[in-house]
Amino acid sequence: MQAQRNNDVPQLRKLLDKDVRILTPGKLGEIEISKGEYLSFLQQVGKLDQDCYPQYEIVKLTPNTAEVNIDFAYPDFVAKHSLTMVKKGDDWKIIQLRKLIETEPAPVTVMQQ
């Protein structure tokens, strides 16, 4: 969570499997991008402390696999990440990352008469 929140490319490079499947919103719907494309984009953005509050839920956990949902709550939207991870030796590797964006509904103002 921290590596994504801070655009920590070296740490993400270690966490993402070499054949990771990354699905992200695009102009015409969900698109698949490579690990190299994803890390290159984050490297261009640079390391930063994003104004968001991450929360996670472990959906499924076995000794060798894990499915985790992470919500990054920003002031105007929520970035939802769904991860599938496998244990390789002593390390956990992300083999699939699906990103979704949900816009928060605008607050309703009630006028007093």
PDB file of N, CA and C in Angstrom:
ATOM      1  N   MET A   1       0.829  -1.192   0.000  1.00  0.00           N
ATOM      2  CA  MET A   1       0.000   0.000   0.000  1.00  0.00           C
ATOM      3  C   MET A   1       0.871   1.251   0.000  1.00  0.00           C
ATOM      4  N   GLN A   2       1.890   1.242   0.827  1.00  0.00           N
ATOM      5  CA  GLN A   2       2.759   2.422   0.910  1.00  0.00           C
ATOM      6  C   GLN A   2       3.528   2.651  -0.387  1.00  0.00           C
ATOM      7  N   ALA A   3       3.978   1.578  -1.021  1.00  0.00           N
ATOM      8  CA  ALA A   3       4.731   1.723  -2.269  1.00  0.00           C
ATOM      9  C   ALA A   3       3.860   2.386  -3.338  1.00  0.00           C
ATOM     10  N   GLN A   4       2.585   1.989  -3.423  1.00  0.00           N
ATOM     11  CA  GLN A   4       1.677   2.591  -4.398  1.00  0.00           C
ATOM     12  C   GLN A   4       1.351   4.026  -4.009  1.00  0.00           C
ATOM     13  N   ARG A   5       1.090   4.248  -2.739  1.00  0.00           N
ATOM     14  CA  ARG A   5       0.712   5.588  -2.257  1.00  0.00           C
ATOM     15  C   ARG A   5       1.824   6.602  -2.513  1.00  0.00           C
ATOM     16  N   ASN A   6       3.073   6.154  -2.427  1.00  0.00           N
ATOM     17  CA  ASN A   6       4.219   7.059  -2.580  1.00  0.00           C
ATOM     18  C   ASN A   6       4.896   6.975  -3.944  1.00  0.00           C
ATOM     19  N   ASN A   7       4.304   6.200  -4.891  1.00  0.00           N
ATOM     20  CA  ASN A   7       4.933   5.985  -6.201  1.00  0.00           C
ATOM     21  C   ASN A   7       6.376   5.507  -6.048  1.00  0.00           C
ATOM     22  N   ASP A   8       6.588   4.561  -5.154  1.00  0.00           N
ATOM     23  CA  ASP A   8       7.913   4.017  -4.896  1.00  0.00           C
ATOM     24  C   ASP A   8       8.232   2.957  -5.960  1.00  0.00           C
ATOM     25  N   VAL A   9       8.762   3.409  -7.099  1.00  0.00           N
ATOM     26  CA  VAL A   9       9.008   2.528  -8.247  1.00  0.00           C
ATOM     27  C   VAL A   9       9.947   1.374  -7.904  1.00  0.00           C
ATOM     28  N   PRO A  10      11.081   1.597  -7.217  1.00  0.00           N
ATOM     29  CA  PRO A  10      11.952   0.451  -6.897  1.00  0.00           C
ATOM     30  C   PRO A  10      11.233  -0.615  -6.057  1.00  0.00           C
ATOM     31  N   GLN A  11      10.425  -0.201  -5.110  1.00  0.00           N
ATOM     32  CA  GLN A  11       9.701  -1.172  -4.277  1.00  0.00           C
ATOM     33  C   GLN A  11       8.627  -1.892  -5.092  1.00  0.00           C
ATOM     34  N   LEU A  12       7.901  -1.138  -5.939  1.00  0.00           N
ATOM     35  CA  LEU A  12       6.888  -1.767  -6.783  1.00  0.00           C
ATOM     36  C   LEU A  12       7.520  -2.742  -7.770  1.00  0.00           C
ATOM     37  N   ARG A  13       8.698  -2.415  -8.281  1.00  0.00           N
ATOM     38  CA  ARG A  13       9.405  -3.313  -9.198  1.00  0.00           C
ATOM     39  C   ARG A  13       9.648  -4.663  -8.518  1.00  0.00           C
ATOM     40  N   LYS A  14       9.970  -4.642  -7.218  1.00  0.00           N
ATOM     41  CA  LYS A  14      10.200  -5.876  -6.470  1.00  0.00           C
ATOM     42  C   LYS A  14       8.898  -6.639  -6.213  1.00  0.00           C
ATOM     43  N   LEU A  15       7.816  -5.913  -5.952  1.00  0.00           N
ATOM     44  CA  LEU A  15       6.545  -6.535  -5.595  1.00  0.00           C
ATOM     45  C   LEU A  15       5.803  -7.129  -6.787  1.00  0.00           C
ATOM     46  N   LEU A  16       5.921  -6.492  -7.952  1.00  0.00           N
ATOM     47  CA  LEU A  16       5.205  -6.955  -9.141  1.00  0.00           C
ATOM     48  C   LEU A  16       5.965  -8.102  -9.797  1.00  0.00           C
ATOM     49  N   ASP A  17       5.263  -9.196 -10.059  1.00  0.00           N
ATOM     50  CA  ASP A  17       5.854 -10.328 -10.752  1.00  0.00           C
ATOM     51  C   ASP A  17       6.286  -9.904 -12.156  1.00  0.00           C
ATOM     52  N   LYS A  18       7.262 -10.585 -12.726  1.00  0.00           N
ATOM     53  CA  LYS A  18       7.750 -10.203 -14.063  1.00  0.00           C
ATOM     54  C   LYS A  18       6.651 -10.327 -15.115  1.00  0.00           C
ATOM     55  N   ASP A  19       5.694 -11.224 -14.917  1.00  0.00           N
ATOM     56  CA  ASP A  19       4.596 -11.412 -15.868  1.00  0.00           C
ATOM     57  C   ASP A  19       3.260 -10.895 -15.329  1.00  0.00           C
ATOM     58  N   VAL A  20       3.305  -9.903 -14.463  1.00  0.00           N
ATOM     59  CA  VAL A  20       2.099  -9.383 -13.845  1.00  0.00           C
ATOM     60  C   VAL A  20       1.096  -8.913 -14.902  1.00  0.00           C
ATOM     61  N   ARG A  21      -0.171  -9.114 -14.625  1.00  0.00           N
ATOM     62  CA  ARG A  21      -1.249  -8.631 -15.493  1.00  0.00           C
ATOM     63  C   ARG A  21      -1.829  -7.392 -14.814  1.00  0.00           C
ATOM     64  N   ILE A  22      -1.702  -6.242 -15.483  1.00  0.00           N
ATOM     65  CA  ILE A  22      -2.188  -4.974 -14.916  1.00  0.00           C
ATOM     66  C   ILE A  22      -3.331  -4.462 -15.772  1.00  0.00           C
ATOM     67  N   LEU A  23      -4.493  -4.316 -15.149  1.00  0.00           N
ATOM     68  CA  LEU A  23      -5.696  -3.816 -15.819  1.00  0.00           C
ATOM     69  C   LEU A  23      -6.041  -2.467 -15.218  1.00  0.00           C
ATOM     70  N   THR A  24      -6.244  -1.475 -16.081  1.00  0.00           N
ATOM     71  CA  THR A  24      -6.467  -0.118 -15.604  1.00  0.00           C
ATOM     72  C   THR A  24      -7.516   0.572 -16.477  1.00  0.00           C
ATOM     73  N   PRO A  25      -8.224   1.565 -15.946  1.00  0.00           N
ATOM     74  CA  PRO A  25      -9.208   2.271 -16.771  1.00  0.00           C
ATOM     75  C   PRO A  25      -8.534   3.017 -17.920  1.00  0.00           C
ATOM     76  N   GLY A  26      -9.146   2.952 -19.083  1.00  0.00           N
ATOM     77  CA  GLY A  26      -8.674   3.679 -20.258  1.00  0.00           C
ATOM     78  C   GLY A  26      -9.827   4.464 -20.865  1.00  0.00           C
ATOM     79  N   LYS A  27      -9.580   5.184 -21.921  1.00  0.00           N
ATOM     80  CA  LYS A  27     -10.617   5.998 -22.562  1.00  0.00           C
ATOM     81  C   LYS A  27     -11.800   5.171 -23.042  1.00  0.00           C
ATOM     82  N   LEU A  28     -11.520   3.971 -23.529  1.00  0.00           N
ATOM     83  CA  LEU A  28     -12.578   3.134 -24.099  1.00  0.00           C
ATOM     84  C   LEU A  28     -12.897   1.931 -23.221  1.00  0.00           C
ATOM     85  N   GLY A  29     -12.606   2.023 -21.947  1.00  0.00           N
ATOM     86  CA  GLY A  29     -12.844   0.915 -21.034  1.00  0.00           C
ATOM     87  C   GLY A  29     -11.546   0.415 -20.438  1.00  0.00           C
ATOM     88  N   GLU A  30     -11.601  -0.759 -19.863  1.00  0.00           N
ATOM     89  CA  GLU A  30     -10.435  -1.337 -19.205  1.00  0.00           C
ATOM     90  C   GLU A  30      -9.388  -1.759 -20.235  1.00  0.00           C
ATOM     91  N   ILE A  31      -8.122  -1.430 -19.952  1.00  0.00           N
ATOM     92  CA  ILE A  31      -7.023  -1.822 -20.831  1.00  0.00           C
ATOM     93  C   ILE A  31      -5.979  -2.575 -20.015  1.00  0.00           C
ATOM     94  N   GLU A  32      -5.199  -3.381 -20.702  1.00  0.00           N
ATOM     95  CA  GLU A  32      -4.112  -4.110 -20.049  1.00  0.00           C
ATOM     96  C   GLU A  32      -2.797  -3.444 -20.429  1.00  0.00           C
ATOM     97  N   ILE A  33      -1.967  -3.187 -19.419  1.00  0.00           N
ATOM     98  CA  ILE A  33      -0.654  -2.593 -19.663  1.00  0.00           C
ATOM     99  C   ILE A  33       0.418  -3.494 -19.053  1.00  0.00           C
ATOM    100  N   SER A  34       1.634  -3.340 -19.540  1.00  0.00           N
ATOM    101  CA  SER A  34       2.739  -4.168 -19.043  1.00  0.00           C
ATOM    102  C   SER A  34       3.315  -3.574 -17.759  1.00  0.00           C
ATOM    103  N   LYS A  35       4.085  -4.378 -17.077  1.00  0.00           N
ATOM    104  CA  LYS A  35       4.794  -3.922 -15.883  1.00  0.00           C
ATOM    105  C   LYS A  35       5.692  -2.740 -16.242  1.00  0.00           C
ATOM    106  N   GLY A  36       6.409  -2.847 -17.369  1.00  0.00           N
ATOM    107  CA  GLY A  36       7.301  -1.772 -17.804  1.00  0.00           C
ATOM    108  C   GLY A  36       6.555  -0.470 -18.070  1.00  0.00           C
ATOM    109  N   GLU A  37       5.401  -0.547 -18.748  1.00  0.00           N
ATOM    110  CA  GLU A  37       4.599   0.654 -19.025  1.00  0.00           C
ATOM    111  C   GLU A  37       4.115   1.292 -17.725  1.00  0.00           C
ATOM    112  N   TYR A  38       3.662   0.462 -16.805  1.00  0.00           N
ATOM    113  CA  TYR A  38       3.144   0.954 -15.524  1.00  0.00           C
ATOM    114  C   TYR A  38       4.236   1.658 -14.728  1.00  0.00           C
ATOM    115  N   LEU A  39       5.394   0.998 -14.599  1.00  0.00           N
ATOM    116  CA  LEU A  39       6.482   1.582 -13.817  1.00  0.00           C
ATOM    117  C   LEU A  39       7.054   2.825 -14.500  1.00  0.00           C
ATOM    118  N   SER A  40       7.091   2.829 -15.817  1.00  0.00           N
ATOM    119  CA  SER A  40       7.570   3.998 -16.550  1.00  0.00           C
ATOM    120  C   SER A  40       6.670   5.203 -16.295  1.00  0.00           C
ATOM    121  N   PHE A  41       5.363   4.971 -16.309  1.00  0.00           N
ATOM    122  CA  PHE A  41       4.417   6.048 -16.014  1.00  0.00           C
ATOM    123  C   PHE A  41       4.629   6.585 -14.607  1.00  0.00           C
ATOM    124  N   LEU A  42       4.743   5.696 -13.626  1.00  0.00           N
ATOM    125  CA  LEU A  42       4.935   6.132 -12.242  1.00  0.00           C
ATOM    126  C   LEU A  42       6.259   6.866 -12.074  1.00  0.00           C
ATOM    127  N   GLN A  43       7.279   6.423 -12.795  1.00  0.00           N
ATOM    128  CA  GLN A  43       8.587   7.079 -12.717  1.00  0.00           C
ATOM    129  C   GLN A  43       8.505   8.503 -13.277  1.00  0.00           C
ATOM    130  N   GLN A  44       7.719   8.703 -14.338  1.00  0.00           N
ATOM    131  CA  GLN A  44       7.533  10.040 -14.907  1.00  0.00           C
ATOM    132  C   GLN A  44       6.830  10.963 -13.920  1.00  0.00           C
ATOM    133  N   VAL A  45       5.850  10.407 -13.206  1.00  0.00           N
ATOM    134  CA  VAL A  45       5.120  11.192 -12.196  1.00  0.00           C
ATOM    135  C   VAL A  45       6.063  11.563 -11.059  1.00  0.00           C
ATOM    136  N   GLY A  46       6.932  10.631 -10.695  1.00  0.00           N
ATOM    137  CA  GLY A  46       7.893  10.873  -9.624  1.00  0.00           C
ATOM    138  C   GLY A  46       7.371  10.436  -8.270  1.00  0.00           C
ATOM    139  N   LYS A  47       8.284  10.348  -7.334  1.00  0.00           N
ATOM    140  CA  LYS A  47       7.942   9.940  -5.976  1.00  0.00           C
ATOM    141  C   LYS A  47       7.172  11.065  -5.298  1.00  0.00           C
ATOM    142  N   LEU A  48       6.064  10.722  -4.672  1.00  0.00           N
ATOM    143  CA  LEU A  48       5.259  11.741  -4.000  1.00  0.00           C
ATOM    144  C   LEU A  48       4.418  11.104  -2.917  1.00  0.00           C
ATOM    145  N   ASP A  49       3.970  11.926  -2.001  1.00  0.00           N
ATOM    146  CA  ASP A  49       3.088  11.477  -0.937  1.00  0.00           C
ATOM    147  C   ASP A  49       1.680  11.882  -1.331  1.00  0.00           C
ATOM    148  N   GLN A  50       0.908  10.921  -1.843  1.00  0.00           N
ATOM    149  CA  GLN A  50      -0.430  11.219  -2.334  1.00  0.00           C
ATOM    150  C   GLN A  50      -1.383  11.495  -1.178  1.00  0.00           C
ATOM    151  N   ASP A  51      -2.300  12.403  -1.416  1.00  0.00           N
ATOM    152  CA  ASP A  51      -3.301  12.797  -0.424  1.00  0.00           C
ATOM    153  C   ASP A  51      -4.443  11.789  -0.439  1.00  0.00           C
ATOM    154  N   CYS A  52      -4.172  10.600   0.117  1.00  0.00           N
ATOM    155  CA  CYS A  52      -5.199   9.558   0.143  1.00  0.00           C
ATOM    156  C   CYS A  52      -5.051   8.735   1.418  1.00  0.00           C
ATOM    157  N   TYR A  53      -6.112   8.008   1.704  1.00  0.00           N
ATOM    158  CA  TYR A  53      -6.132   7.181   2.894  1.00  0.00           C
ATOM    159  C   TYR A  53      -6.444   5.749   2.482  1.00  0.00           C
ATOM    160  N   PRO A  54      -5.433   4.856   2.514  1.00  0.00           N
ATOM    161  CA  PRO A  54      -5.663   3.482   2.072  1.00  0.00           C
ATOM    162  C   PRO A  54      -6.299   2.616   3.161  1.00  0.00           C
ATOM    163  N   GLN A  55      -7.190   1.736   2.711  1.00  0.00           N
ATOM    164  CA  GLN A  55      -7.786   0.714   3.557  1.00  0.00           C
ATOM    165  C   GLN A  55      -7.762  -0.581   2.765  1.00  0.00           C
ATOM    166  N   TYR A  56      -7.573  -1.697   3.451  1.00  0.00           N
ATOM    167  CA  TYR A  56      -7.518  -2.960   2.722  1.00  0.00           C
ATOM    168  C   TYR A  56      -8.410  -4.011   3.365  1.00  0.00           C
ATOM    169  N   GLU A  57      -8.751  -4.997   2.529  1.00  0.00           N
ATOM    170  CA  GLU A  57      -9.542  -6.138   2.973  1.00  0.00           C
ATOM    171  C   GLU A  57      -8.922  -7.384   2.346  1.00  0.00           C
ATOM    172  N   ILE A  58      -8.602  -8.358   3.163  1.00  0.00           N
ATOM    173  CA  ILE A  58      -8.102  -9.634   2.657  1.00  0.00           C
ATOM    174  C   ILE A  58      -9.321 -10.471   2.293  1.00  0.00           C
ATOM    175  N   VAL A  59      -9.486 -10.737   1.014  1.00  0.00           N
ATOM    176  CA  VAL A  59     -10.638 -11.472   0.519  1.00  0.00           C
ATOM    177  C   VAL A  59     -10.428 -12.969   0.660  1.00  0.00           C
ATOM    178  N   LYS A  60      -9.212 -13.422   0.340  1.00  0.00           N
ATOM    179  CA  LYS A  60      -8.891 -14.845   0.403  1.00  0.00           C
ATOM    180  C   LYS A  60      -7.418 -14.985   0.742  1.00  0.00           C
ATOM    181  N   LEU A  61      -7.110 -15.920   1.632  1.00  0.00           N
ATOM    182  CA  LEU A  61      -5.716 -16.143   2.026  1.00  0.00           C
ATOM    183  C   LEU A  61      -5.480 -17.634   2.220  1.00  0.00           C
ATOM    184  N   THR A  62      -4.492 -18.142   1.498  1.00  0.00           N
ATOM    185  CA  THR A  62      -4.030 -19.512   1.684  1.00  0.00           C
ATOM    186  C   THR A  62      -2.524 -19.426   1.940  1.00  0.00           C
ATOM    187  N   PRO A  63      -1.866 -20.521   2.257  1.00  0.00           N
ATOM    188  CA  PRO A  63      -0.426 -20.436   2.489  1.00  0.00           C
ATOM    189  C   PRO A  63       0.370 -19.904   1.289  1.00  0.00           C
ATOM    190  N   ASN A  64      -0.171 -20.044   0.065  1.00  0.00           N
ATOM    191  CA  ASN A  64       0.588 -19.647  -1.114  1.00  0.00           C
ATOM    192  C   ASN A  64      -0.084 -18.609  -2.004  1.00  0.00           C
ATOM    193  N   THR A  65      -1.301 -18.210  -1.685  1.00  0.00           N
ATOM    194  CA  THR A  65      -1.998 -17.208  -2.497  1.00  0.00           C
ATOM    195  C   THR A  65      -2.766 -16.238  -1.603  1.00  0.00           C
ATOM    196  N   ALA A  66      -3.003 -15.059  -2.149  1.00  0.00           N
ATOM    197  CA  ALA A  66      -3.798 -14.065  -1.430  1.00  0.00           C
ATOM    198  C   ALA A  66      -4.541 -13.196  -2.440  1.00  0.00           C
ATOM    199  N   GLU A  67      -5.757 -12.841  -2.105  1.00  0.00           N
ATOM    200  CA  GLU A  67      -6.531 -11.870  -2.869  1.00  0.00           C
ATOM    201  C   GLU A  67      -6.869 -10.737  -1.904  1.00  0.00           C
ATOM    202  N   VAL A  68      -6.514  -9.526  -2.315  1.00  0.00           N
ATOM    203  CA  VAL A  68      -6.649  -8.366  -1.441  1.00  0.00           C
ATOM    204  C   VAL A  68      -7.291  -7.216  -2.208  1.00  0.00           C
ATOM    205  N   ASN A  69      -8.232  -6.531  -1.578  1.00  0.00           N
ATOM    206  CA  ASN A  69      -8.807  -5.308  -2.131  1.00  0.00           C
ATOM    207  C   ASN A  69      -8.271  -4.130  -1.331  1.00  0.00           C
ATOM    208  N   ILE A  70      -7.782  -3.127  -2.040  1.00  0.00           N
ATOM    209  CA  ILE A  70      -7.267  -1.922  -1.389  1.00  0.00           C
ATOM    210  C   ILE A  70      -7.998  -0.714  -1.968  1.00  0.00           C
ATOM    211  N   ASP A  71      -8.565   0.099  -1.101  1.00  0.00           N
ATOM    212  CA  ASP A  71      -9.209   1.350  -1.506  1.00  0.00           C
ATOM    213  C   ASP A  71      -8.331   2.510  -1.082  1.00  0.00           C
ATOM    214  N   PHE A  72      -7.979   3.353  -2.046  1.00  0.00           N
ATOM    215  CA  PHE A  72      -7.237   4.575  -1.773  1.00  0.00           C
ATOM    216  C   PHE A  72      -8.245   5.718  -1.850  1.00  0.00           C
ATOM    217  N   ALA A  73      -8.678   6.236  -0.709  1.00  0.00           N
ATOM    218  CA  ALA A  73      -9.702   7.286  -0.667  1.00  0.00           C
ATOM    219  C   ALA A  73      -9.041   8.656  -0.784  1.00  0.00           C
ATOM    220  N   TYR A  74      -9.306   9.322  -1.909  1.00  0.00           N
ATOM    221  CA  TYR A  74      -8.846  10.685  -2.161  1.00  0.00           C
ATOM    222  C   TYR A  74     -10.002  11.628  -1.848  1.00  0.00           C
ATOM    223  N   PRO A  75      -9.773  12.939  -1.806  1.00  0.00           N
ATOM    224  CA  PRO A  75     -10.874  13.864  -1.517  1.00  0.00           C
ATOM    225  C   PRO A  75     -12.041  13.772  -2.508  1.00  0.00           C
ATOM    226  N   ASP A  76     -11.775  13.503  -3.803  1.00  0.00           N
ATOM    227  CA  ASP A  76     -12.830  13.531  -4.816  1.00  0.00           C
ATOM    228  C   ASP A  76     -13.223  12.170  -5.375  1.00  0.00           C
ATOM    229  N   PHE A  77     -12.441  11.135  -5.102  1.00  0.00           N
ATOM    230  CA  PHE A  77     -12.719   9.831  -5.690  1.00  0.00           C
ATOM    231  C   PHE A  77     -12.038   8.737  -4.875  1.00  0.00           C
ATOM    232  N   VAL A  78     -12.357   7.504  -5.223  1.00  0.00           N
ATOM    233  CA  VAL A  78     -11.735   6.339  -4.594  1.00  0.00           C
ATOM    234  C   VAL A  78     -11.087   5.509  -5.692  1.00  0.00           C
ATOM    235  N   ALA A  79      -9.799   5.223  -5.543  1.00  0.00           N
ATOM    236  CA  ALA A  79      -9.093   4.328  -6.453  1.00  0.00           C
ATOM    237  C   ALA A  79      -9.116   2.943  -5.814  1.00  0.00           C
ATOM    238  N   LYS A  80      -9.769   2.010  -6.493  1.00  0.00           N
ATOM    239  CA  LYS A  80      -9.906   0.653  -5.971  1.00  0.00           C
ATOM    240  C   LYS A  80      -8.912  -0.255  -6.679  1.00  0.00           C
ATOM    241  N   HIS A  81      -8.115  -0.951  -5.894  1.00  0.00           N
ATOM    242  CA  HIS A  81      -7.144  -1.885  -6.435  1.00  0.00           C
ATOM    243  C   HIS A  81      -7.489  -3.283  -5.935  1.00  0.00           C
ATOM    244  N   SER A  82      -7.524  -4.210  -6.852  1.00  0.00           N
ATOM    245  CA  SER A  82      -7.750  -5.613  -6.517  1.00  0.00           C
ATOM    246  C   SER A  82      -6.478  -6.366  -6.886  1.00  0.00           C
ATOM    247  N   LEU A  83      -5.872  -7.028  -5.915  1.00  0.00           N
ATOM    248  CA  LEU A  83      -4.593  -7.710  -6.119  1.00  0.00           C
ATOM    249  C   LEU A  83      -4.746  -9.214  -5.970  1.00  0.00           C
ATOM    250  N   THR A  84      -4.045  -9.940  -6.810  1.00  0.00           N
ATOM    251  CA  THR A  84      -3.856 -11.370  -6.616  1.00  0.00           C
ATOM    252  C   THR A  84      -2.359 -11.568  -6.435  1.00  0.00           C
ATOM    253  N   MET A  85      -2.006 -12.265  -5.360  1.00  0.00           N
ATOM    254  CA  MET A  85      -0.600 -12.459  -5.023  1.00  0.00           C
ATOM    255  C   MET A  85      -0.310 -13.947  -4.848  1.00  0.00           C
ATOM    256  N   VAL A  86       0.928 -14.329  -5.159  1.00  0.00           N
ATOM    257  CA  VAL A  86       1.380 -15.701  -4.918  1.00  0.00           C
ATOM    258  C   VAL A  86       2.709 -15.656  -4.184  1.00  0.00           C
ATOM    259  N   LYS A  87       2.937 -16.685  -3.398  1.00  0.00           N
ATOM    260  CA  LYS A  87       4.201 -16.783  -2.676  1.00  0.00           C
ATOM    261  C   LYS A  87       5.199 -17.515  -3.551  1.00  0.00           C
ATOM    262  N   LYS A  88       6.344 -16.868  -3.778  1.00  0.00           N
ATOM    263  CA  LYS A  88       7.429 -17.457  -4.562  1.00  0.00           C
ATOM    264  C   LYS A  88       8.663 -17.476  -3.674  1.00  0.00           C
ATOM    265  N   GLY A  89       9.002 -18.667  -3.186  1.00  0.00           N
ATOM    266  CA  GLY A  89      10.091 -18.770  -2.214  1.00  0.00           C
ATOM    267  C   GLY A  89       9.647 -18.096  -0.922  1.00  0.00           C
ATOM    268  N   ASP A  90      10.431 -17.131  -0.463  1.00  0.00           N
ATOM    269  CA  ASP A  90      10.087 -16.392   0.755  1.00  0.00           C
ATOM    270  C   ASP A  90       9.356 -15.087   0.459  1.00  0.00           C
ATOM    271  N   ASP A  91       9.183 -14.759  -0.829  1.00  0.00           N
ATOM    272  CA  ASP A  91       8.607 -13.471  -1.216  1.00  0.00           C
ATOM    273  C   ASP A  91       7.186 -13.623  -1.756  1.00  0.00           C
ATOM    274  N   TRP A  92       6.382 -12.575  -1.569  1.00  0.00           N
ATOM    275  CA  TRP A  92       5.060 -12.489  -2.170  1.00  0.00           C
ATOM    276  C   TRP A  92       5.173 -11.613  -3.407  1.00  0.00           C
ATOM    277  N   LYS A  93       4.581 -12.064  -4.504  1.00  0.00           N
ATOM    278  CA  LYS A  93       4.604 -11.329  -5.768  1.00  0.00           C
ATOM    279  C   LYS A  93       3.170 -11.064  -6.231  1.00  0.00           C
ATOM    280  N   ILE A  94       2.941  -9.865  -6.734  1.00  0.00           N
ATOM    281  CA  ILE A  94       1.633  -9.520  -7.292  1.00  0.00           C
ATOM    282  C   ILE A  94       1.601 -10.045  -8.718  1.00  0.00           C
ATOM    283  N   ILE A  95       0.625 -10.930  -9.018  1.00  0.00           N
ATOM    284  CA  ILE A  95       0.525 -11.475 -10.366  1.00  0.00           C
ATOM    285  C   ILE A  95      -0.613 -10.824 -11.157  1.00  0.00           C
ATOM    286  N   GLN A  96      -1.533 -10.172 -10.448  1.00  0.00           N
ATOM    287  CA  GLN A  96      -2.581  -9.409 -11.133  1.00  0.00           C
ATOM    288  C   GLN A  96      -2.946  -8.187 -10.306  1.00  0.00           C
ATOM    289  N   LEU A  97      -3.069  -7.064 -11.000  1.00  0.00           N
ATOM    290  CA  LEU A  97      -3.475  -5.806 -10.385  1.00  0.00           C
ATOM    291  C   LEU A  97      -4.567  -5.205 -11.254  1.00  0.00           C
ATOM    292  N   ARG A  98      -5.745  -5.034 -10.677  1.00  0.00           N
ATOM    293  CA  ARG A  98      -6.867  -4.411 -11.391  1.00  0.00           C
ATOM    294  C   ARG A  98      -7.194  -3.110 -10.666  1.00  0.00           C
ATOM    295  N   LYS A  99      -7.203  -2.012 -11.447  1.00  0.00           N
ATOM    296  CA  LYS A  99      -7.461  -0.689 -10.879  1.00  0.00           C
ATOM    297  C   LYS A  99      -8.796  -0.164 -11.406  1.00  0.00           C
ATOM    298  N   LEU A 100      -9.585   0.384 -10.502  1.00  0.00           N
ATOM    299  CA  LEU A 100     -10.851   1.017 -10.857  1.00  0.00           C
ATOM    300  C   LEU A 100     -10.918   2.368 -10.174  1.00  0.00           C
ATOM    301  N   ILE A 101     -11.634   3.296 -10.779  1.00  0.00           N
ATOM    302  CA  ILE A 101     -11.833   4.614 -10.192  1.00  0.00           C
ATOM    303  C   ILE A 101     -13.323   4.807  -9.940  1.00  0.00           C
ATOM    304  N   GLU A 102     -13.674   5.183  -8.737  1.00  0.00           N
ATOM    305  CA  GLU A 102     -15.063   5.496  -8.406  1.00  0.00           C
ATOM    306  C   GLU A 102     -15.135   6.942  -7.956  1.00  0.00           C
ATOM    307  N   THR A 103     -15.973   7.705  -8.616  1.00  0.00           N
ATOM    308  CA  THR A 103     -16.165   9.096  -8.231  1.00  0.00           C
ATOM    309  C   THR A 103     -17.152   9.146  -7.077  1.00  0.00           C
ATOM    310  N   GLU A 104     -16.804   9.912  -6.073  1.00  0.00           N
ATOM    311  CA  GLU A 104     -17.700  10.085  -4.936  1.00  0.00           C
ATOM    312  C   GLU A 104     -18.861  10.983  -5.343  1.00  0.00           C
ATOM    313  N   PRO A 105     -20.059  10.694  -4.889  1.00  0.00           N
ATOM    314  CA  PRO A 105     -21.170  11.590  -5.202  1.00  0.00           C
ATOM    315  C   PRO A 105     -20.949  12.960  -4.561  1.00  0.00           C
ATOM    316  N   ALA A 106     -21.362  13.988  -5.275  1.00  0.00           N
ATOM    317  CA  ALA A 106     -21.214  15.350  -4.753  1.00  0.00           C
ATOM    318  C   ALA A 106     -22.094  15.514  -3.522  1.00  0.00           C
ATOM    319  N   PRO A 107     -21.618  16.266  -2.520  1.00  0.00           N
ATOM    320  CA  PRO A 107     -22.449  16.478  -1.329  1.00  0.00           C
ATOM    321  C   PRO A 107     -23.704  17.263  -1.688  1.00  0.00           C
ATOM    322  N   VAL A 108     -24.771  16.934  -1.016  1.00  0.00           N
ATOM    323  CA  VAL A 108     -26.049  17.608  -1.246  1.00  0.00           C
ATOM    324  C   VAL A 108     -26.202  18.721  -0.224  1.00  0.00           C
ATOM    325  N   THR A 109     -26.527  19.913  -0.706  1.00  0.00           N
ATOM    326  CA  THR A 109     -26.764  21.042   0.183  1.00  0.00           C
ATOM    327  C   THR A 109     -28.250  21.310   0.241  1.00  0.00           C
ATOM    328  N   VAL A 110     -28.784  21.326   1.441  1.00  0.00           N
ATOM    329  CA  VAL A 110     -30.211  21.585   1.622  1.00  0.00           C
ATOM    330  C   VAL A 110     -30.360  23.037   2.048  1.00  0.00           C
ATOM    331  N   MET A 111     -31.150  23.755   1.299  1.00  0.00           N
ATOM    332  CA  MET A 111     -31.355  25.171   1.620  1.00  0.00           C
ATOM    333  C   MET A 111     -32.473  25.291   2.659  1.00  0.00           C
ATOM    334  N   GLN A 112     -32.252  26.135   3.627  1.00  0.00           N
ATOM    335  CA  GLN A 112     -33.253  26.399   4.657  1.00  0.00           C
ATOM    336  C   GLN A 112     -34.152  27.547   4.228  1.00  0.00           C
ATOM    337  N   GLN A 113     -35.426  27.449   4.490  1.00  0.00           N
ATOM    338  CA  GLN A 113     -36.339  28.568   4.166  1.00  0.00           C
ATOM    339  C   GLN A 113     -36.722  29.312   5.405  1.00  0.00           C
TER     340      GLN A 113
END
